[in-house]
Amino acid sequence: MEKIYTRLAEADLFAAIGTSPQIYPVATFVHKARTVGAHTIELKLKLLALVSAWVDKLLSQR
């Protein structure tokens, strides 16, 4: 874990792909990268119902 936190402290960019905010310590990685000024990207592979409903509403207004 020490090596991971060292790398996070040096990061310019950090991508979290397919992880859940409930899984620790992985859930802390994005926050730790942000605190050192890294750009962060979070990609969720599971479609959330709220997002799906929002997209459906947006598309129906076209």
PDB file of N, CA and C in Angstrom:
ATOM      1  N   MET A   1       0.817  -1.191   0.000  1.00  0.00           N
ATOM      2  CA  MET A   1       0.000   0.000   0.000  1.00  0.00           C
ATOM      3  C   MET A   1       0.866   1.263   0.000  1.00  0.00           C
ATOM      4  N   GLU A   2       1.982   1.190   0.653  1.00  0.00           N
ATOM      5  CA  GLU A   2       2.857   2.362   0.706  1.00  0.00           C
ATOM      6  C   GLU A   2       3.291   2.776  -0.698  1.00  0.00           C
ATOM      7  N   LYS A   3       3.605   1.794  -1.532  1.00  0.00           N
ATOM      8  CA  LYS A   3       4.022   2.080  -2.905  1.00  0.00           C
ATOM      9  C   LYS A   3       2.883   2.740  -3.697  1.00  0.00           C
ATOM     10  N   ILE A   4       1.659   2.282  -3.485  1.00  0.00           N
ATOM     11  CA  ILE A   4       0.498   2.871  -4.167  1.00  0.00           C
ATOM     12  C   ILE A   4       0.343   4.335  -3.764  1.00  0.00           C
ATOM     13  N   TYR A   5       0.391   4.615  -2.474  1.00  0.00           N
ATOM     14  CA  TYR A   5       0.222   5.993  -2.011  1.00  0.00           C
ATOM     15  C   TYR A   5       1.364   6.894  -2.478  1.00  0.00           C
ATOM     16  N   THR A   6       2.564   6.350  -2.606  1.00  0.00           N
ATOM     17  CA  THR A   6       3.684   7.118  -3.142  1.00  0.00           C
ATOM     18  C   THR A   6       3.421   7.491  -4.588  1.00  0.00           C
ATOM     19  N   ARG A   7       2.946   6.531  -5.372  1.00  0.00           N
ATOM     20  CA  ARG A   7       2.631   6.797  -6.787  1.00  0.00           C
ATOM     21  C   ARG A   7       1.483   7.795  -6.926  1.00  0.00           C
ATOM     22  N   LEU A   8       0.477   7.680  -6.073  1.00  0.00           N
ATOM     23  CA  LEU A   8      -0.633   8.633  -6.110  1.00  0.00           C
ATOM     24  C   LEU A   8      -0.145  10.050  -5.826  1.00  0.00           C
ATOM     25  N   ALA A   9       0.801  10.184  -4.919  1.00  0.00           N
ATOM     26  CA  ALA A   9       1.343  11.500  -4.571  1.00  0.00           C
ATOM     27  C   ALA A   9       2.119  12.121  -5.729  1.00  0.00           C
ATOM     28  N   GLU A  10       2.574  11.291  -6.666  1.00  0.00           N
ATOM     29  CA  GLU A  10       3.345  11.761  -7.818  1.00  0.00           C
ATOM     30  C   GLU A  10       2.496  11.914  -9.078  1.00  0.00           C
ATOM     31  N   ALA A  11       1.222  11.544  -9.009  1.00  0.00           N
ATOM     32  CA  ALA A  11       0.378  11.460 -10.207  1.00  0.00           C
ATOM     33  C   ALA A  11      -0.039  12.823 -10.748  1.00  0.00           C
ATOM     34  N   ASP A  12      -0.060  12.912 -12.081  1.00  0.00           N
ATOM     35  CA  ASP A  12      -0.654  14.055 -12.773  1.00  0.00           C
ATOM     36  C   ASP A  12      -2.079  13.713 -13.203  1.00  0.00           C
ATOM     37  N   LEU A  13      -2.314  12.419 -13.431  1.00  0.00           N
ATOM     38  CA  LEU A  13      -3.604  11.923 -13.890  1.00  0.00           C
ATOM     39  C   LEU A  13      -3.878  10.586 -13.220  1.00  0.00           C
ATOM     40  N   PHE A  14      -5.107  10.404 -12.747  1.00  0.00           N
ATOM     41  CA  PHE A  14      -5.494   9.128 -12.144  1.00  0.00           C
ATOM     42  C   PHE A  14      -6.853   8.730 -12.687  1.00  0.00           C
ATOM     43  N   ALA A  15      -6.971   7.501 -13.174  1.00  0.00           N
ATOM     44  CA  ALA A  15      -8.242   6.980 -13.681  1.00  0.00           C
ATOM     45  C   ALA A  15      -8.691   5.812 -12.813  1.00  0.00           C
ATOM     46  N   ALA A  16      -9.904   5.919 -12.297  1.00  0.00           N
ATOM     47  CA  ALA A  16     -10.523   4.826 -11.542  1.00  0.00           C
ATOM     48  C   ALA A  16     -11.566   4.206 -12.466  1.00  0.00           C
ATOM     49  N   ILE A  17     -11.391   2.940 -12.783  1.00  0.00           N
ATOM     50  CA  ILE A  17     -12.266   2.289 -13.759  1.00  0.00           C
ATOM     51  C   ILE A  17     -13.001   1.131 -13.112  1.00  0.00           C
ATOM     52  N   GLY A  18     -14.320   1.246 -13.083  1.00  0.00           N
ATOM     53  CA  GLY A  18     -15.169   0.151 -12.634  1.00  0.00           C
ATOM     54  C   GLY A  18     -15.146  -0.155 -11.154  1.00  0.00           C
ATOM     55  N   THR A  19     -14.666   0.742 -10.342  1.00  0.00           N
ATOM     56  CA  THR A  19     -14.630   0.483  -8.907  1.00  0.00           C
ATOM     57  C   THR A  19     -15.805   1.156  -8.206  1.00  0.00           C
ATOM     58  N   SER A  20     -16.105   0.693  -7.051  1.00  0.00           N
ATOM     59  CA  SER A  20     -17.228   1.215  -6.276  1.00  0.00           C
ATOM     60  C   SER A  20     -16.716   2.117  -5.162  1.00  0.00           C
ATOM     61  N   PRO A  21     -17.471   3.167  -4.835  1.00  0.00           N
ATOM     62  CA  PRO A  21     -17.046   4.019  -3.719  1.00  0.00           C
ATOM     63  C   PRO A  21     -17.149   3.330  -2.364  1.00  0.00           C
ATOM     64  N   GLN A  22     -17.713   2.137  -2.319  1.00  0.00           N
ATOM     65  CA  GLN A  22     -17.816   1.396  -1.058  1.00  0.00           C
ATOM     66  C   GLN A  22     -16.628   0.451  -0.833  1.00  0.00           C
ATOM     67  N   ILE A  23     -15.762   0.306  -1.818  1.00  0.00           N
ATOM     68  CA  ILE A  23     -14.632  -0.621  -1.711  1.00  0.00           C
ATOM     69  C   ILE A  23     -13.401   0.133  -1.198  1.00  0.00           C
ATOM     70  N   TYR A  24     -12.955  -0.208  -0.004  1.00  0.00           N
ATOM     71  CA  TYR A  24     -11.790   0.450   0.598  1.00  0.00           C
ATOM     72  C   TYR A  24     -10.607  -0.496   0.615  1.00  0.00           C
ATOM     73  N   PRO A  25      -9.393  -0.007   0.422  1.00  0.00           N
ATOM     74  CA  PRO A  25      -8.966   1.389   0.367  1.00  0.00           C
ATOM     75  C   PRO A  25      -9.053   2.014  -1.024  1.00  0.00           C
ATOM     76  N   VAL A  26      -9.471   1.260  -2.023  1.00  0.00           N
ATOM     77  CA  VAL A  26      -9.519   1.787  -3.393  1.00  0.00           C
ATOM     78  C   VAL A  26     -10.362   3.056  -3.484  1.00  0.00           C
ATOM     79  N   ALA A  27     -11.421   3.150  -2.712  1.00  0.00           N
ATOM     80  CA  ALA A  27     -12.302   4.321  -2.752  1.00  0.00           C
ATOM     81  C   ALA A  27     -11.575   5.608  -2.377  1.00  0.00           C
ATOM     82  N   THR A  28     -10.480   5.512  -1.677  1.00  0.00           N
ATOM     83  CA  THR A  28      -9.742   6.715  -1.264  1.00  0.00           C
ATOM     84  C   THR A  28      -8.751   7.200  -2.324  1.00  0.00           C
ATOM     85  N   PHE A  29      -8.475   6.385  -3.328  1.00  0.00           N
ATOM     86  CA  PHE A  29      -7.437   6.725  -4.298  1.00  0.00           C
ATOM     87  C   PHE A  29      -7.752   8.002  -5.082  1.00  0.00           C
ATOM     88  N   VAL A  30      -8.989   8.167  -5.544  1.00  0.00           N
ATOM     89  CA  VAL A  30      -9.349   9.366  -6.311  1.00  0.00           C
ATOM     90  C   VAL A  30      -9.158  10.607  -5.447  1.00  0.00           C
ATOM     91  N   HIS A  31      -9.635  10.549  -4.224  1.00  0.00           N
ATOM     92  CA  HIS A  31      -9.490  11.702  -3.320  1.00  0.00           C
ATOM     93  C   HIS A  31      -8.015  12.024  -3.086  1.00  0.00           C
ATOM     94  N   LYS A  32      -7.217  11.010  -2.835  1.00  0.00           N
ATOM     95  CA  LYS A  32      -5.789  11.242  -2.569  1.00  0.00           C
ATOM     96  C   LYS A  32      -5.098  11.846  -3.786  1.00  0.00           C
ATOM     97  N   ALA A  33      -5.446  11.370  -4.981  1.00  0.00           N
ATOM     98  CA  ALA A  33      -4.854  11.929  -6.202  1.00  0.00           C
ATOM     99  C   ALA A  33      -5.265  13.391  -6.382  1.00  0.00           C
ATOM    100  N   ARG A  34      -6.520  13.698  -6.094  1.00  0.00           N
ATOM    101  CA  ARG A  34      -6.995  15.088  -6.217  1.00  0.00           C
ATOM    102  C   ARG A  34      -6.269  16.019  -5.247  1.00  0.00           C
ATOM    103  N   THR A  35      -5.968  15.534  -4.056  1.00  0.00           N
ATOM    104  CA  THR A  35      -5.330  16.403  -3.057  1.00  0.00           C
ATOM    105  C   THR A  35      -3.936  16.849  -3.477  1.00  0.00           C
ATOM    106  N   VAL A  36      -3.300  16.107  -4.381  1.00  0.00           N
ATOM    107  CA  VAL A  36      -1.979  16.516  -4.872  1.00  0.00           C
ATOM    108  C   VAL A  36      -2.077  17.238  -6.212  1.00  0.00           C
ATOM    109  N   GLY A  37      -3.317  17.505  -6.651  1.00  0.00           N
ATOM    110  CA  GLY A  37      -3.515  18.273  -7.880  1.00  0.00           C
ATOM    111  C   GLY A  37      -3.635  17.456  -9.147  1.00  0.00           C
ATOM    112  N   ALA A  38      -3.742  16.154  -9.027  1.00  0.00           N
ATOM    113  CA  ALA A  38      -3.885  15.311 -10.220  1.00  0.00           C
ATOM    114  C   ALA A  38      -5.278  15.463 -10.816  1.00  0.00           C
ATOM    115  N   HIS A  39      -5.351  15.391 -12.133  1.00  0.00           N
ATOM    116  CA  HIS A  39      -6.648  15.309 -12.799  1.00  0.00           C
ATOM    117  C   HIS A  39      -7.161  13.893 -12.573  1.00  0.00           C
ATOM    118  N   THR A  40      -8.449  13.758 -12.317  1.00  0.00           N
ATOM    119  CA  THR A  40      -9.003  12.429 -12.063  1.00  0.00           C
ATOM    120  C   THR A  40     -10.158  12.137 -13.009  1.00  0.00           C
ATOM    121  N   ILE A  41     -10.276  10.866 -13.349  1.00  0.00           N
ATOM    122  CA  ILE A  41     -11.353  10.371 -14.200  1.00  0.00           C
ATOM    123  C   ILE A  41     -11.932   9.153 -13.510  1.00  0.00           C
ATOM    124  N   GLU A  42     -13.258   9.113 -13.409  1.00  0.00           N
ATOM    125  CA  GLU A  42     -13.929   7.951 -12.830  1.00  0.00           C
ATOM    126  C   GLU A  42     -14.874   7.370 -13.872  1.00  0.00           C
ATOM    127  N   LEU A  43     -14.637   6.139 -14.263  1.00  0.00           N
ATOM    128  CA  LEU A  43     -15.486   5.461 -15.238  1.00  0.00           C
ATOM    129  C   LEU A  43     -16.230   4.339 -14.543  1.00  0.00           C
ATOM    130  N   LYS A  44     -17.532   4.422 -14.591  1.00  0.00           N
ATOM    131  CA  LYS A  44     -18.376   3.389 -13.990  1.00  0.00           C
ATOM    132  C   LYS A  44     -18.907   2.504 -15.111  1.00  0.00           C
ATOM    133  N   LEU A  45     -18.757   1.222 -14.969  1.00  0.00           N
ATOM    134  CA  LEU A  45     -19.198   0.303 -16.002  1.00  0.00           C
ATOM    135  C   LEU A  45     -20.654  -0.104 -15.841  1.00  0.00           C
ATOM    136  N   LYS A  46     -21.228   0.125 -14.678  1.00  0.00           N
ATOM    137  CA  LYS A  46     -22.612  -0.242 -14.416  1.00  0.00           C
ATOM    138  C   LYS A  46     -23.495   0.982 -14.616  1.00  0.00           C
ATOM    139  N   LEU A  47     -24.517   0.841 -15.450  1.00  0.00           N
ATOM    140  CA  LEU A  47     -25.438   1.939 -15.696  1.00  0.00           C
ATOM    141  C   LEU A  47     -26.322   2.137 -14.476  1.00  0.00           C
ATOM    142  N   LEU A  48     -26.342   3.342 -13.965  1.00  0.00           N
ATOM    143  CA  LEU A  48     -27.172   3.654 -12.809  1.00  0.00           C
ATOM    144  C   LEU A  48     -28.565   4.057 -13.270  1.00  0.00           C
ATOM    145  N   ALA A  49     -29.596   3.641 -12.556  1.00  0.00           N
ATOM    146  CA  ALA A  49     -30.977   3.930 -12.932  1.00  0.00           C
ATOM    147  C   ALA A  49     -31.228   5.432 -13.028  1.00  0.00           C
ATOM    148  N   LEU A  50     -30.673   6.207 -12.122  1.00  0.00           N
ATOM    149  CA  LEU A  50     -30.869   7.650 -12.134  1.00  0.00           C
ATOM    150  C   LEU A  50     -30.303   8.267 -13.412  1.00  0.00           C
ATOM    151  N   VAL A  51     -29.128   7.836 -13.805  1.00  0.00           N
ATOM    152  CA  VAL A  51     -28.517   8.356 -15.027  1.00  0.00           C
ATOM    153  C   VAL A  51     -29.354   7.963 -16.232  1.00  0.00           C
ATOM    154  N   SER A  52     -29.787   6.722 -16.276  1.00  0.00           N
ATOM    155  CA  SER A  52     -30.600   6.244 -17.389  1.00  0.00           C
ATOM    156  C   SER A  52     -31.880   7.067 -17.526  1.00  0.00           C
ATOM    157  N   ALA A  53     -32.562   7.337 -16.424  1.00  0.00           N
ATOM    158  CA  ALA A  53     -33.789   8.132 -16.452  1.00  0.00           C
ATOM    159  C   ALA A  53     -33.499   9.554 -16.921  1.00  0.00           C
ATOM    160  N   TRP A  54     -32.400  10.118 -16.488  1.00  0.00           N
ATOM    161  CA  TRP A  54     -32.021  11.469 -16.883  1.00  0.00           C
ATOM    162  C   TRP A  54     -31.742  11.535 -18.381  1.00  0.00           C
ATOM    163  N   VAL A  55     -31.023  10.561 -18.904  1.00  0.00           N
ATOM    164  CA  VAL A  55     -30.721  10.518 -20.339  1.00  0.00           C
ATOM    165  C   VAL A  55     -32.006  10.330 -21.139  1.00  0.00           C
ATOM    166  N   ASP A  56     -32.888   9.435 -20.708  1.00  0.00           N
ATOM    167  CA  ASP A  56     -34.163   9.230 -21.395  1.00  0.00           C
ATOM    168  C   ASP A  56     -34.961  10.529 -21.457  1.00  0.00           C
ATOM    169  N   LYS A  57     -35.010  11.259 -20.357  1.00  0.00           N
ATOM    170  CA  LYS A  57     -35.751  12.523 -20.316  1.00  0.00           C
ATOM    171  C   LYS A  57     -35.115  13.542 -21.254  1.00  0.00           C
ATOM    172  N   LEU A  58     -33.807  13.623 -21.226  1.00  0.00           N
ATOM    173  CA  LEU A  58     -33.087  14.560 -22.081  1.00  0.00           C
ATOM    174  C   LEU A  58     -33.334  14.256 -23.554  1.00  0.00           C
ATOM    175  N   LEU A  59     -33.251  12.993 -23.934  1.00  0.00           N
ATOM    176  CA  LEU A  59     -33.438  12.608 -25.330  1.00  0.00           C
ATOM    177  C   LEU A  59     -34.875  12.793 -25.793  1.00  0.00           C
ATOM    178  N   SER A  60     -35.829  12.629 -24.906  1.00  0.00           N
ATOM    179  CA  SER A  60     -37.237  12.782 -25.289  1.00  0.00           C
ATOM    180  C   SER A  60     -37.599  14.240 -25.565  1.00  0.00           C
ATOM    181  N   GLN A  61     -36.782  15.171 -25.114  1.00  0.00           N
ATOM    182  CA  GLN A  61     -37.041  16.593 -25.329  1.00  0.00           C
ATOM    183  C   GLN A  61     -36.551  17.073 -26.687  1.00  0.00           C
ATOM    184  N   ARG A  62     -35.887  16.224 -27.432  1.00  0.00           N
ATOM    185  CA  ARG A  62     -35.342  16.611 -28.745  1.00  0.00           C
ATOM    186  C   ARG A  62     -36.396  16.635 -29.793  1.00  0.00           C
TER     187      ARG A  62
END
